[in-house]
Amino acid sequence: MRRLSGAAVLSALALGCATGPPELRYNAWFPSTDPSASRRPQDCSDLASAGSGLVGDPLEPGRGKPLSQPADLGAGPVRLVWSSTVSGVRIDWVAPIEPGPRRLWALRVGDSGRCVVGTWTTSQLGFEVVKHTFTGGGRLEIVLLGLGPLSERGWMVLVTDGSSLWSGLGSRNGRPGALRGEELEFREEADRLRLVVVDAGKAAALDFDGVQFGHP
């Protein structure tokens, strides 16, 4: 197996430390020098009408909600965890500033604000690590969230095409799937995207079918 390269870029971000992404100003998307005329409402009607965007428990503001500034999230201090371009659409991933946040918003970037593409929440341990890759020529972004400290780390998988957000693992009883392992990584083998789980010195792999990861 070989590591992904080119369009399938893999990166890891350690969160919750002093060197992490800085706090966003409450009015970061509209500096106070902007004329009020530029603060026209963001059109998010295409997201509000259909599609998936909820992974975990309901979170407000939810899918399709227009935002003018970070303060509109109503989550107190927040930070931009990372930005990406998926299917030609720029996405900002925003979370509360505290270490191990349990909430994450995927926001479509527009000239006059942001639209909520989807949300992720967990009632247990918040995420400490993020890894992500792109597949399908940049059509999909796949995100790994490492929850909790290394000694008891679980993992959840998010997938977005720039207009929807969904779980990359099968669900049970309506809850998004999760994996437990010391380390997870993306690999490519014979033109297949695989998710390799390493735990207690043993490795197992799941294949991506274009929607979710599952056993070959």
N, C-alpha and C. Protein backbone atom coordinates (compact mmCIF):
# COMPACT_ATOMS: atom_id res chain seq x y z
N MET A 1 0.85 -1.20 0.00
CA MET A 1 0.00 0.00 0.00
C MET A 1 0.88 1.24 0.00
N ARG A 2 0.42 2.29 -0.65
CA ARG A 2 1.20 3.51 -0.69
C ARG A 2 0.36 4.67 -0.18
N ARG A 3 1.05 5.69 0.29
CA ARG A 3 0.35 6.84 0.84
C ARG A 3 -0.28 7.65 -0.27
N LEU A 4 -1.39 8.33 0.06
CA LEU A 4 -2.04 9.20 -0.91
C LEU A 4 -1.15 10.37 -1.25
N SER A 5 -1.22 10.83 -2.49
CA SER A 5 -0.45 11.99 -2.91
C SER A 5 -1.28 12.83 -3.85
N GLY A 6 -0.73 13.95 -4.32
CA GLY A 6 -1.43 14.80 -5.27
C GLY A 6 -2.68 15.38 -4.67
N ALA A 7 -3.83 15.16 -5.36
CA ALA A 7 -5.10 15.75 -4.90
C ALA A 7 -5.54 15.18 -3.58
N ALA A 8 -5.12 13.96 -3.27
CA ALA A 8 -5.52 13.35 -2.00
C ALA A 8 -4.49 13.72 -0.94
N VAL A 9 -4.62 14.87 -0.38
CA VAL A 9 -3.65 15.40 0.57
C VAL A 9 -4.07 15.03 1.98
N LEU A 10 -3.14 14.50 2.75
CA LEU A 10 -3.41 14.12 4.13
C LEU A 10 -2.71 15.07 5.07
N SER A 11 -3.43 15.56 6.06
CA SER A 11 -2.80 16.41 7.07
C SER A 11 -3.37 16.08 8.42
N ALA A 12 -2.61 16.40 9.46
CA ALA A 12 -3.06 16.18 10.83
C ALA A 12 -2.87 17.45 11.61
N LEU A 13 -3.85 17.79 12.44
CA LEU A 13 -3.80 18.99 13.26
C LEU A 13 -3.96 18.59 14.71
N ALA A 14 -3.02 18.95 15.55
CA ALA A 14 -3.15 18.75 16.99
C ALA A 14 -3.87 19.95 17.55
N LEU A 15 -4.95 19.72 18.27
CA LEU A 15 -5.81 20.80 18.74
C LEU A 15 -5.69 21.00 20.23
N GLY A 16 -6.17 22.18 20.67
CA GLY A 16 -6.27 22.43 22.09
C GLY A 16 -4.96 22.83 22.72
N CYS A 17 -4.00 23.31 21.95
CA CYS A 17 -2.74 23.75 22.50
C CYS A 17 -2.50 25.20 22.13
N ALA A 18 -1.46 25.80 22.71
CA ALA A 18 -1.22 27.22 22.53
C ALA A 18 -0.93 27.57 21.09
N THR A 19 -0.41 26.62 20.31
CA THR A 19 -0.06 26.89 18.93
C THR A 19 -1.23 26.63 17.98
N GLY A 20 -2.39 26.31 18.49
CA GLY A 20 -3.54 26.02 17.67
C GLY A 20 -4.10 27.26 17.01
N PRO A 21 -5.13 27.08 16.16
CA PRO A 21 -5.73 28.21 15.46
C PRO A 21 -6.23 29.26 16.45
N PRO A 22 -6.03 30.53 16.15
CA PRO A 22 -6.44 31.58 17.09
C PRO A 22 -7.94 31.79 17.10
N GLU A 23 -8.40 32.44 18.13
CA GLU A 23 -9.82 32.76 18.24
C GLU A 23 -10.23 33.72 17.14
N LEU A 24 -11.41 33.49 16.57
CA LEU A 24 -11.96 34.40 15.57
C LEU A 24 -12.57 35.61 16.26
N ARG A 25 -12.35 36.79 15.72
CA ARG A 25 -13.07 37.96 16.23
C ARG A 25 -14.56 37.76 16.00
N TYR A 26 -15.37 38.31 16.89
CA TYR A 26 -16.82 38.11 16.79
C TYR A 26 -17.36 38.64 15.47
N ASN A 27 -16.70 39.66 14.89
CA ASN A 27 -17.16 40.24 13.63
C ASN A 27 -16.14 40.02 12.51
N ALA A 28 -15.42 38.90 12.55
CA ALA A 28 -14.30 38.66 11.64
C ALA A 28 -14.70 38.73 10.17
N TRP A 29 -15.92 38.31 9.82
CA TRP A 29 -16.30 38.29 8.42
C TRP A 29 -16.74 39.65 7.91
N PHE A 30 -17.04 40.56 8.82
CA PHE A 30 -17.42 41.92 8.44
C PHE A 30 -16.71 42.90 9.35
N PRO A 31 -15.50 43.33 9.00
CA PRO A 31 -14.83 44.33 9.81
C PRO A 31 -15.69 45.56 9.99
N SER A 32 -15.50 46.24 11.10
CA SER A 32 -16.36 47.38 11.43
C SER A 32 -16.29 48.49 10.40
N THR A 33 -15.24 48.49 9.54
CA THR A 33 -15.13 49.53 8.52
C THR A 33 -16.01 49.26 7.31
N ASP A 34 -16.58 48.06 7.20
CA ASP A 34 -17.45 47.75 6.07
C ASP A 34 -18.74 48.54 6.14
N PRO A 35 -19.21 49.10 5.02
CA PRO A 35 -20.50 49.78 5.02
C PRO A 35 -21.62 48.78 5.27
N SER A 36 -22.68 49.22 5.92
CA SER A 36 -23.79 48.32 6.23
C SER A 36 -24.41 47.73 4.98
N ALA A 37 -24.30 48.43 3.85
CA ALA A 37 -24.90 47.93 2.62
C ALA A 37 -24.27 46.61 2.17
N SER A 38 -23.01 46.36 2.60
CA SER A 38 -22.35 45.13 2.19
C SER A 38 -22.79 43.94 3.03
N ARG A 39 -23.57 44.18 4.07
CA ARG A 39 -23.98 43.11 4.97
C ARG A 39 -25.33 42.52 4.56
N ARG A 40 -25.50 42.33 3.26
CA ARG A 40 -26.75 41.75 2.78
C ARG A 40 -26.83 40.29 3.23
N PRO A 41 -28.04 39.77 3.42
CA PRO A 41 -28.18 38.38 3.89
C PRO A 41 -27.54 37.40 2.92
N GLN A 42 -26.90 36.37 3.47
CA GLN A 42 -26.32 35.31 2.65
C GLN A 42 -27.43 34.38 2.18
N ASP A 43 -27.45 34.05 0.90
CA ASP A 43 -28.48 33.17 0.35
C ASP A 43 -28.09 31.71 0.61
N CYS A 44 -28.81 31.06 1.52
CA CYS A 44 -28.54 29.66 1.86
C CYS A 44 -29.74 28.78 1.53
N SER A 45 -30.63 29.28 0.68
CA SER A 45 -31.90 28.59 0.43
C SER A 45 -31.69 27.20 -0.17
N ASP A 46 -30.63 27.00 -0.97
CA ASP A 46 -30.41 25.69 -1.57
C ASP A 46 -30.05 24.64 -0.52
N LEU A 47 -29.44 25.08 0.57
CA LEU A 47 -29.07 24.14 1.64
C LEU A 47 -30.25 23.87 2.56
N ALA A 48 -31.10 24.87 2.76
CA ALA A 48 -32.23 24.72 3.68
C ALA A 48 -33.31 23.81 3.12
N SER A 49 -33.36 23.68 1.79
CA SER A 49 -34.49 22.98 1.17
C SER A 49 -34.34 21.46 1.17
N ALA A 50 -33.11 20.95 1.13
CA ALA A 50 -32.94 19.49 1.01
C ALA A 50 -31.53 19.10 1.41
N GLY A 51 -31.34 17.77 1.56
CA GLY A 51 -30.00 17.26 1.78
C GLY A 51 -29.70 16.93 3.23
N SER A 52 -28.52 16.34 3.42
CA SER A 52 -28.10 15.89 4.74
C SER A 52 -27.09 16.86 5.32
N GLY A 53 -27.08 16.99 6.62
CA GLY A 53 -26.11 17.88 7.22
C GLY A 53 -25.97 17.70 8.72
N LEU A 54 -26.52 16.63 9.27
CA LEU A 54 -26.51 16.43 10.71
C LEU A 54 -25.79 15.13 11.05
N VAL A 55 -24.70 15.23 11.82
CA VAL A 55 -24.00 14.06 12.32
C VAL A 55 -23.95 14.19 13.83
N GLY A 56 -24.67 13.33 14.53
CA GLY A 56 -24.78 13.45 15.97
C GLY A 56 -26.08 14.12 16.37
N ASP A 57 -26.09 14.72 17.54
CA ASP A 57 -27.29 15.37 18.04
C ASP A 57 -27.56 16.69 17.32
N PRO A 58 -28.82 17.13 17.28
CA PRO A 58 -29.14 18.42 16.65
C PRO A 58 -28.33 19.55 17.28
N LEU A 59 -27.90 20.46 16.44
CA LEU A 59 -27.08 21.58 16.88
C LEU A 59 -27.54 22.83 16.14
N GLU A 60 -27.75 23.89 16.88
CA GLU A 60 -28.12 25.17 16.28
C GLU A 60 -26.95 26.14 16.35
N PRO A 61 -26.80 26.98 15.32
CA PRO A 61 -27.58 27.02 14.09
C PRO A 61 -27.25 25.82 13.20
N GLY A 62 -28.29 25.24 12.60
CA GLY A 62 -28.14 24.04 11.81
C GLY A 62 -28.07 24.32 10.33
N ARG A 63 -28.16 23.25 9.57
CA ARG A 63 -28.01 23.30 8.12
C ARG A 63 -28.91 24.36 7.49
N GLY A 64 -28.32 25.12 6.57
CA GLY A 64 -29.07 26.11 5.81
C GLY A 64 -29.19 27.46 6.48
N LYS A 65 -28.65 27.60 7.70
CA LYS A 65 -28.76 28.89 8.39
C LYS A 65 -27.69 29.87 7.86
N PRO A 66 -28.09 31.11 7.56
CA PRO A 66 -27.12 32.12 7.13
C PRO A 66 -26.44 32.78 8.33
N LEU A 67 -25.17 33.06 8.19
CA LEU A 67 -24.39 33.70 9.26
C LEU A 67 -23.68 34.92 8.68
N SER A 68 -23.67 36.01 9.44
CA SER A 68 -22.93 37.20 9.03
C SER A 68 -21.58 37.28 9.70
N GLN A 69 -21.47 36.71 10.91
CA GLN A 69 -20.23 36.81 11.67
C GLN A 69 -20.14 35.63 12.64
N PRO A 70 -18.95 35.31 13.14
CA PRO A 70 -18.80 34.17 14.05
C PRO A 70 -19.71 34.22 15.26
N ALA A 71 -20.03 35.41 15.74
CA ALA A 71 -20.91 35.54 16.90
C ALA A 71 -22.28 34.93 16.65
N ASP A 72 -22.68 34.82 15.37
CA ASP A 72 -24.00 34.25 15.05
C ASP A 72 -24.10 32.78 15.40
N LEU A 73 -22.96 32.11 15.64
CA LEU A 73 -23.00 30.71 16.03
C LEU A 73 -23.52 30.53 17.45
N GLY A 74 -23.44 31.58 18.26
CA GLY A 74 -23.95 31.52 19.62
C GLY A 74 -23.19 30.55 20.50
N ALA A 75 -21.91 30.31 20.19
CA ALA A 75 -21.12 29.33 20.93
C ALA A 75 -20.02 29.98 21.75
N GLY A 76 -20.08 31.30 21.92
CA GLY A 76 -19.00 31.98 22.61
C GLY A 76 -17.79 32.07 21.71
N PRO A 77 -16.58 32.16 22.28
CA PRO A 77 -15.37 32.24 21.47
C PRO A 77 -15.22 31.00 20.59
N VAL A 78 -14.97 31.20 19.30
CA VAL A 78 -14.79 30.10 18.36
C VAL A 78 -13.51 30.33 17.56
N ARG A 79 -13.06 29.26 16.90
CA ARG A 79 -11.86 29.35 16.08
C ARG A 79 -12.07 28.65 14.76
N LEU A 80 -11.35 29.11 13.76
CA LEU A 80 -11.31 28.44 12.47
C LEU A 80 -10.30 27.30 12.58
N VAL A 81 -10.78 26.06 12.56
CA VAL A 81 -9.89 24.91 12.73
C VAL A 81 -9.10 24.68 11.44
N TRP A 82 -9.76 24.71 10.30
CA TRP A 82 -9.08 24.66 9.01
C TRP A 82 -10.07 25.08 7.92
N SER A 83 -9.54 25.35 6.73
CA SER A 83 -10.36 25.66 5.55
C SER A 83 -9.98 24.69 4.45
N SER A 84 -10.93 24.41 3.56
CA SER A 84 -10.67 23.50 2.45
C SER A 84 -11.52 23.92 1.25
N THR A 85 -11.20 23.37 0.10
CA THR A 85 -11.99 23.58 -1.10
C THR A 85 -12.47 22.23 -1.60
N VAL A 86 -13.78 22.04 -1.66
CA VAL A 86 -14.38 20.77 -2.03
C VAL A 86 -15.35 21.02 -3.18
N SER A 87 -15.16 20.32 -4.30
CA SER A 87 -15.99 20.52 -5.48
C SER A 87 -16.03 22.00 -5.88
N GLY A 88 -14.91 22.68 -5.69
CA GLY A 88 -14.82 24.09 -6.05
C GLY A 88 -15.43 25.04 -5.05
N VAL A 89 -15.91 24.52 -3.91
CA VAL A 89 -16.56 25.33 -2.88
C VAL A 89 -15.62 25.45 -1.69
N ARG A 90 -15.40 26.67 -1.20
CA ARG A 90 -14.58 26.83 0.00
C ARG A 90 -15.42 26.55 1.24
N ILE A 91 -14.87 25.71 2.12
CA ILE A 91 -15.53 25.35 3.37
C ILE A 91 -14.65 25.78 4.54
N ASP A 92 -15.23 26.49 5.50
CA ASP A 92 -14.56 26.79 6.77
C ASP A 92 -15.10 25.84 7.83
N TRP A 93 -14.21 25.21 8.57
CA TRP A 93 -14.58 24.33 9.66
C TRP A 93 -14.31 25.08 10.96
N VAL A 94 -15.36 25.32 11.73
CA VAL A 94 -15.29 26.19 12.90
C VAL A 94 -15.75 25.42 14.14
N ALA A 95 -15.04 25.61 15.26
CA ALA A 95 -15.36 24.93 16.52
C ALA A 95 -15.16 25.89 17.68
N PRO A 96 -15.76 25.61 18.83
CA PRO A 96 -15.49 26.40 20.03
C PRO A 96 -14.00 26.40 20.36
N ILE A 97 -13.55 27.42 21.02
CA ILE A 97 -12.13 27.62 21.27
C ILE A 97 -11.56 26.65 22.30
N GLU A 98 -12.40 26.10 23.19
CA GLU A 98 -11.88 25.27 24.28
C GLU A 98 -11.27 23.98 23.74
N PRO A 99 -10.29 23.41 24.46
CA PRO A 99 -9.67 22.15 24.03
C PRO A 99 -10.71 21.03 23.96
N GLY A 100 -10.49 20.12 23.02
CA GLY A 100 -11.39 18.99 22.90
C GLY A 100 -12.83 19.40 22.65
N PRO A 101 -13.11 20.27 21.68
CA PRO A 101 -14.49 20.71 21.46
C PRO A 101 -15.39 19.56 21.03
N ARG A 102 -16.66 19.67 21.41
CA ARG A 102 -17.63 18.63 21.08
C ARG A 102 -18.60 19.08 20.00
N ARG A 103 -18.31 20.22 19.40
CA ARG A 103 -19.17 20.76 18.33
C ARG A 103 -18.30 21.24 17.18
N LEU A 104 -18.80 21.05 15.96
CA LEU A 104 -18.07 21.46 14.77
C LEU A 104 -19.07 21.85 13.71
N TRP A 105 -18.84 23.01 13.09
CA TRP A 105 -19.68 23.48 11.99
C TRP A 105 -18.88 23.47 10.70
N ALA A 106 -19.48 22.99 9.61
CA ALA A 106 -18.93 23.11 8.27
C ALA A 106 -19.68 24.25 7.59
N LEU A 107 -18.98 25.32 7.23
CA LEU A 107 -19.61 26.54 6.72
C LEU A 107 -19.15 26.81 5.29
N ARG A 108 -20.11 27.01 4.40
CA ARG A 108 -19.79 27.43 3.03
C ARG A 108 -19.50 28.92 3.01
N VAL A 109 -18.41 29.28 2.39
CA VAL A 109 -17.97 30.67 2.39
C VAL A 109 -18.59 31.42 1.22
N GLY A 110 -19.17 32.58 1.52
CA GLY A 110 -19.73 33.45 0.49
C GLY A 110 -19.24 34.88 0.65
N ASP A 111 -19.54 35.72 -0.31
CA ASP A 111 -19.08 37.11 -0.26
C ASP A 111 -19.71 37.88 0.89
N SER A 112 -20.91 37.49 1.29
CA SER A 112 -21.61 38.27 2.31
C SER A 112 -21.81 37.51 3.61
N GLY A 113 -21.05 36.43 3.81
CA GLY A 113 -21.17 35.69 5.06
C GLY A 113 -20.89 34.22 4.87
N ARG A 114 -21.54 33.40 5.68
CA ARG A 114 -21.36 31.95 5.64
C ARG A 114 -22.72 31.26 5.67
N CYS A 115 -22.78 30.05 5.11
CA CYS A 115 -23.97 29.20 5.21
C CYS A 115 -23.56 27.92 5.93
N VAL A 116 -24.41 27.43 6.81
CA VAL A 116 -24.13 26.18 7.52
C VAL A 116 -24.44 25.01 6.60
N VAL A 117 -23.40 24.30 6.17
CA VAL A 117 -23.56 23.10 5.35
C VAL A 117 -23.95 21.92 6.22
N GLY A 118 -23.31 21.80 7.39
CA GLY A 118 -23.62 20.69 8.27
C GLY A 118 -22.99 20.89 9.64
N THR A 119 -23.39 20.04 10.57
CA THR A 119 -22.90 20.13 11.95
C THR A 119 -22.55 18.75 12.47
N TRP A 120 -21.61 18.71 13.42
CA TRP A 120 -21.21 17.49 14.11
C TRP A 120 -21.21 17.76 15.60
N THR A 121 -21.74 16.82 16.37
CA THR A 121 -21.70 16.93 17.83
C THR A 121 -21.45 15.56 18.45
N THR A 122 -20.91 15.57 19.65
CA THR A 122 -20.76 14.35 20.44
C THR A 122 -21.06 14.69 21.89
N SER A 123 -21.67 13.76 22.59
CA SER A 123 -21.98 13.98 24.00
C SER A 123 -20.87 13.45 24.90
N GLN A 124 -19.87 12.81 24.30
CA GLN A 124 -18.79 12.22 25.09
C GLN A 124 -17.51 13.02 24.92
N LEU A 125 -16.39 12.36 24.70
CA LEU A 125 -15.12 13.05 24.59
C LEU A 125 -15.07 13.90 23.32
N GLY A 126 -14.55 15.13 23.44
CA GLY A 126 -14.39 15.99 22.27
C GLY A 126 -13.18 15.60 21.45
N PHE A 127 -13.06 16.17 20.25
CA PHE A 127 -11.96 15.78 19.38
C PHE A 127 -10.67 16.50 19.74
N GLU A 128 -9.58 15.75 19.67
CA GLU A 128 -8.24 16.26 19.95
C GLU A 128 -7.37 16.29 18.70
N VAL A 129 -7.72 15.48 17.70
CA VAL A 129 -6.92 15.35 16.48
C VAL A 129 -7.84 15.39 15.27
N VAL A 130 -7.37 16.02 14.21
CA VAL A 130 -8.09 16.02 12.94
C VAL A 130 -7.14 15.56 11.84
N LYS A 131 -7.60 14.64 11.03
CA LYS A 131 -6.88 14.25 9.81
C LYS A 131 -7.87 14.33 8.66
N HIS A 132 -7.41 14.77 7.50
CA HIS A 132 -8.36 14.81 6.39
C HIS A 132 -7.65 14.56 5.06
N THR A 133 -8.43 14.09 4.09
CA THR A 133 -7.92 13.80 2.76
C THR A 133 -9.01 14.14 1.75
N PHE A 134 -8.62 14.18 0.48
CA PHE A 134 -9.56 14.46 -0.60
C PHE A 134 -9.54 13.30 -1.58
N THR A 135 -10.67 13.01 -2.18
CA THR A 135 -10.76 11.93 -3.15
C THR A 135 -11.72 12.33 -4.26
N GLY A 136 -11.75 11.52 -5.32
CA GLY A 136 -12.62 11.84 -6.44
C GLY A 136 -12.23 13.12 -7.14
N GLY A 137 -10.92 13.38 -7.25
CA GLY A 137 -10.48 14.60 -7.91
C GLY A 137 -10.88 15.86 -7.18
N GLY A 138 -10.94 15.78 -5.84
CA GLY A 138 -11.33 16.94 -5.04
C GLY A 138 -12.82 17.08 -4.86
N ARG A 139 -13.57 16.08 -5.30
CA ARG A 139 -15.04 16.15 -5.18
C ARG A 139 -15.51 15.89 -3.77
N LEU A 140 -14.73 15.10 -2.99
CA LEU A 140 -15.11 14.77 -1.62
C LEU A 140 -13.95 15.06 -0.68
N GLU A 141 -14.27 15.55 0.51
CA GLU A 141 -13.31 15.66 1.59
C GLU A 141 -13.73 14.69 2.68
N ILE A 142 -12.76 13.91 3.18
CA ILE A 142 -13.04 12.94 4.23
C ILE A 142 -12.23 13.33 5.45
N VAL A 143 -12.91 13.42 6.59
CA VAL A 143 -12.31 13.95 7.81
C VAL A 143 -12.35 12.89 8.91
N LEU A 144 -11.21 12.68 9.57
CA LEU A 144 -11.13 11.82 10.75
C LEU A 144 -11.06 12.70 11.98
N LEU A 145 -11.91 12.44 12.95
CA LEU A 145 -11.86 13.14 14.23
C LEU A 145 -11.43 12.15 15.29
N GLY A 146 -10.27 12.41 15.90
CA GLY A 146 -9.77 11.58 16.99
C GLY A 146 -10.28 12.11 18.32
N LEU A 147 -11.11 11.34 19.01
CA LEU A 147 -11.77 11.78 20.23
C LEU A 147 -11.04 11.27 21.47
N GLY A 148 -10.70 12.19 22.35
CA GLY A 148 -10.11 11.82 23.62
C GLY A 148 -8.61 11.57 23.55
N PRO A 149 -8.00 11.31 24.70
CA PRO A 149 -6.55 11.09 24.76
C PRO A 149 -6.18 9.77 24.10
N LEU A 150 -4.88 9.62 23.80
CA LEU A 150 -4.39 8.46 23.06
C LEU A 150 -4.76 7.15 23.73
N SER A 151 -4.73 7.11 25.06
CA SER A 151 -4.97 5.86 25.78
C SER A 151 -6.39 5.33 25.60
N GLU A 152 -7.32 6.17 25.21
CA GLU A 152 -8.71 5.73 25.04
C GLU A 152 -9.34 6.38 23.81
N ARG A 153 -8.55 6.51 22.76
CA ARG A 153 -9.00 7.27 21.59
C ARG A 153 -10.03 6.53 20.75
N GLY A 154 -11.10 7.22 20.43
CA GLY A 154 -12.09 6.75 19.46
C GLY A 154 -12.02 7.66 18.24
N TRP A 155 -12.61 7.21 17.14
CA TRP A 155 -12.53 7.97 15.89
C TRP A 155 -13.90 8.02 15.23
N MET A 156 -14.21 9.19 14.68
CA MET A 156 -15.41 9.34 13.86
C MET A 156 -14.99 9.88 12.50
N VAL A 157 -15.81 9.60 11.49
CA VAL A 157 -15.48 9.97 10.11
C VAL A 157 -16.59 10.85 9.55
N LEU A 158 -16.22 11.99 8.99
CA LEU A 158 -17.15 12.88 8.33
C LEU A 158 -16.79 12.95 6.85
N VAL A 159 -17.82 13.09 6.00
CA VAL A 159 -17.62 13.23 4.56
C VAL A 159 -18.45 14.42 4.08
N THR A 160 -17.87 15.24 3.20
CA THR A 160 -18.62 16.33 2.61
C THR A 160 -18.30 16.45 1.13
N ASP A 161 -19.30 16.84 0.36
CA ASP A 161 -19.11 17.15 -1.06
C ASP A 161 -19.23 18.65 -1.31
N GLY A 162 -19.20 19.43 -0.23
CA GLY A 162 -19.32 20.87 -0.33
C GLY A 162 -20.73 21.39 -0.18
N SER A 163 -21.71 20.47 -0.28
CA SER A 163 -23.10 20.89 -0.11
C SER A 163 -23.85 20.05 0.92
N SER A 164 -23.26 18.93 1.33
CA SER A 164 -23.85 18.07 2.36
C SER A 164 -22.75 17.55 3.27
N LEU A 165 -23.15 17.06 4.43
CA LEU A 165 -22.22 16.47 5.39
C LEU A 165 -22.86 15.21 5.95
N TRP A 166 -22.08 14.11 6.00
CA TRP A 166 -22.64 12.87 6.52
C TRP A 166 -21.54 12.04 7.18
N SER A 167 -21.97 11.00 7.91
CA SER A 167 -21.03 10.10 8.57
C SER A 167 -20.42 9.14 7.56
N GLY A 168 -19.10 8.95 7.65
CA GLY A 168 -18.42 8.03 6.76
C GLY A 168 -18.38 6.60 7.27
N LEU A 169 -19.08 6.33 8.38
CA LEU A 169 -19.20 4.99 8.92
C LEU A 169 -20.67 4.65 9.11
N GLY A 170 -21.01 3.37 8.99
CA GLY A 170 -22.39 2.96 9.17
C GLY A 170 -22.90 3.31 10.56
N SER A 171 -24.19 3.53 10.67
CA SER A 171 -24.78 3.94 11.94
C SER A 171 -25.61 2.80 12.54
N ARG A 172 -25.77 2.89 13.85
CA ARG A 172 -26.63 1.95 14.57
C ARG A 172 -27.60 2.74 15.44
N ASN A 173 -28.85 2.37 15.38
CA ASN A 173 -29.88 3.05 16.17
C ASN A 173 -29.89 4.56 15.93
N GLY A 174 -29.58 4.93 14.67
CA GLY A 174 -29.61 6.33 14.31
C GLY A 174 -28.40 7.13 14.75
N ARG A 175 -27.41 6.48 15.38
CA ARG A 175 -26.22 7.17 15.84
C ARG A 175 -25.08 6.95 14.85
N PRO A 176 -24.25 7.97 14.60
CA PRO A 176 -23.13 7.80 13.67
C PRO A 176 -22.15 6.76 14.17
N GLY A 177 -21.59 5.99 13.24
CA GLY A 177 -20.64 4.97 13.61
C GLY A 177 -19.33 5.54 14.11
N ALA A 178 -18.56 4.73 14.82
CA ALA A 178 -17.28 5.15 15.37
C ALA A 178 -16.35 3.94 15.41
N LEU A 179 -15.04 4.22 15.47
CA LEU A 179 -14.03 3.19 15.56
C LEU A 179 -13.14 3.46 16.76
N ARG A 180 -12.54 2.41 17.30
CA ARG A 180 -11.57 2.56 18.37
C ARG A 180 -10.24 2.00 17.90
N GLY A 181 -9.18 2.74 18.12
CA GLY A 181 -7.85 2.29 17.70
C GLY A 181 -6.79 3.30 18.10
N GLU A 182 -5.57 2.82 18.21
CA GLU A 182 -4.48 3.71 18.58
C GLU A 182 -4.19 4.72 17.48
N GLU A 183 -4.32 4.28 16.23
CA GLU A 183 -4.02 5.15 15.10
C GLU A 183 -4.86 4.76 13.90
N LEU A 184 -5.31 5.76 13.15
CA LEU A 184 -6.01 5.54 11.90
C LEU A 184 -5.32 6.37 10.84
N GLU A 185 -5.25 5.84 9.63
CA GLU A 185 -4.65 6.60 8.54
C GLU A 185 -5.29 6.21 7.21
N PHE A 186 -5.24 7.15 6.26
CA PHE A 186 -5.73 6.91 4.92
C PHE A 186 -4.61 6.31 4.08
N ARG A 187 -4.96 5.32 3.25
CA ARG A 187 -4.02 4.77 2.29
C ARG A 187 -4.74 4.49 0.99
N GLU A 188 -3.96 4.40 -0.07
CA GLU A 188 -4.51 4.10 -1.39
C GLU A 188 -3.87 2.81 -1.89
N GLU A 189 -4.68 1.87 -2.34
CA GLU A 189 -4.17 0.61 -2.86
C GLU A 189 -5.03 0.20 -4.04
N ALA A 190 -4.39 -0.02 -5.19
CA ALA A 190 -5.10 -0.43 -6.39
C ALA A 190 -6.28 0.48 -6.68
N ASP A 191 -6.01 1.80 -6.60
CA ASP A 191 -7.02 2.82 -6.88
C ASP A 191 -8.19 2.81 -5.90
N ARG A 192 -7.99 2.20 -4.75
CA ARG A 192 -9.01 2.22 -3.70
C ARG A 192 -8.52 3.08 -2.55
N LEU A 193 -9.43 3.86 -1.99
CA LEU A 193 -9.12 4.60 -0.77
C LEU A 193 -9.48 3.71 0.41
N ARG A 194 -8.51 3.54 1.32
CA ARG A 194 -8.71 2.65 2.45
C ARG A 194 -8.46 3.41 3.75
N LEU A 195 -9.14 2.98 4.79
CA LEU A 195 -8.94 3.51 6.13
C LEU A 195 -8.33 2.37 6.95
N VAL A 196 -7.08 2.56 7.37
CA VAL A 196 -6.36 1.52 8.09
C VAL A 196 -6.40 1.82 9.59
N VAL A 197 -6.85 0.83 10.36
CA VAL A 197 -6.97 0.95 11.80
C VAL A 197 -5.87 0.12 12.45
N VAL A 198 -5.05 0.76 13.28
CA VAL A 198 -3.96 0.07 13.97
C VAL A 198 -4.25 0.09 15.46
N ASP A 199 -4.26 -1.10 16.07
CA ASP A 199 -4.53 -1.19 17.50
C ASP A 199 -3.83 -2.42 18.06
N ALA A 200 -3.11 -2.25 19.16
CA ALA A 200 -2.40 -3.35 19.82
C ALA A 200 -1.50 -4.11 18.85
N GLY A 201 -0.86 -3.36 17.94
CA GLY A 201 0.07 -3.97 17.01
C GLY A 201 -0.57 -4.67 15.83
N LYS A 202 -1.90 -4.66 15.74
CA LYS A 202 -2.60 -5.31 14.63
C LYS A 202 -3.26 -4.24 13.76
N ALA A 203 -3.40 -4.55 12.46
CA ALA A 203 -3.97 -3.60 11.51
C ALA A 203 -5.14 -4.23 10.77
N ALA A 204 -6.15 -3.44 10.52
CA ALA A 204 -7.30 -3.85 9.72
C ALA A 204 -7.66 -2.69 8.80
N ALA A 205 -8.26 -3.00 7.65
CA ALA A 205 -8.55 -1.95 6.67
C ALA A 205 -10.02 -1.97 6.26
N LEU A 206 -10.57 -0.78 6.06
CA LEU A 206 -11.91 -0.59 5.53
C LEU A 206 -11.80 0.11 4.19
N ASP A 207 -12.66 -0.25 3.23
CA ASP A 207 -12.65 0.36 1.90
C ASP A 207 -13.75 1.41 1.78
N PHE A 208 -13.45 2.47 1.02
CA PHE A 208 -14.42 3.54 0.80
C PHE A 208 -15.16 3.26 -0.50
N ASP A 209 -16.51 3.26 -0.42
CA ASP A 209 -17.34 2.96 -1.60
C ASP A 209 -17.89 4.21 -2.27
N GLY A 210 -17.37 5.36 -1.91
CA GLY A 210 -17.86 6.62 -2.45
C GLY A 210 -18.81 7.33 -1.53
N VAL A 211 -19.27 6.61 -0.48
CA VAL A 211 -20.18 7.21 0.51
C VAL A 211 -19.67 6.94 1.91
N GLN A 212 -19.35 5.67 2.20
CA GLN A 212 -18.90 5.28 3.53
C GLN A 212 -17.79 4.24 3.46
N PHE A 213 -17.12 4.03 4.60
CA PHE A 213 -16.12 2.98 4.70
C PHE A 213 -16.77 1.71 5.24
N GLY A 214 -16.35 0.58 4.70
CA GLY A 214 -16.87 -0.70 5.17
C GLY A 214 -15.88 -1.81 4.86
N HIS A 215 -16.18 -3.01 5.31
CA HIS A 215 -15.29 -4.14 5.09
C HIS A 215 -15.28 -4.50 3.60
N PRO A 216 -14.12 -4.84 3.05
CA PRO A 216 -14.03 -5.22 1.63
C PRO A 216 -14.91 -6.40 1.30
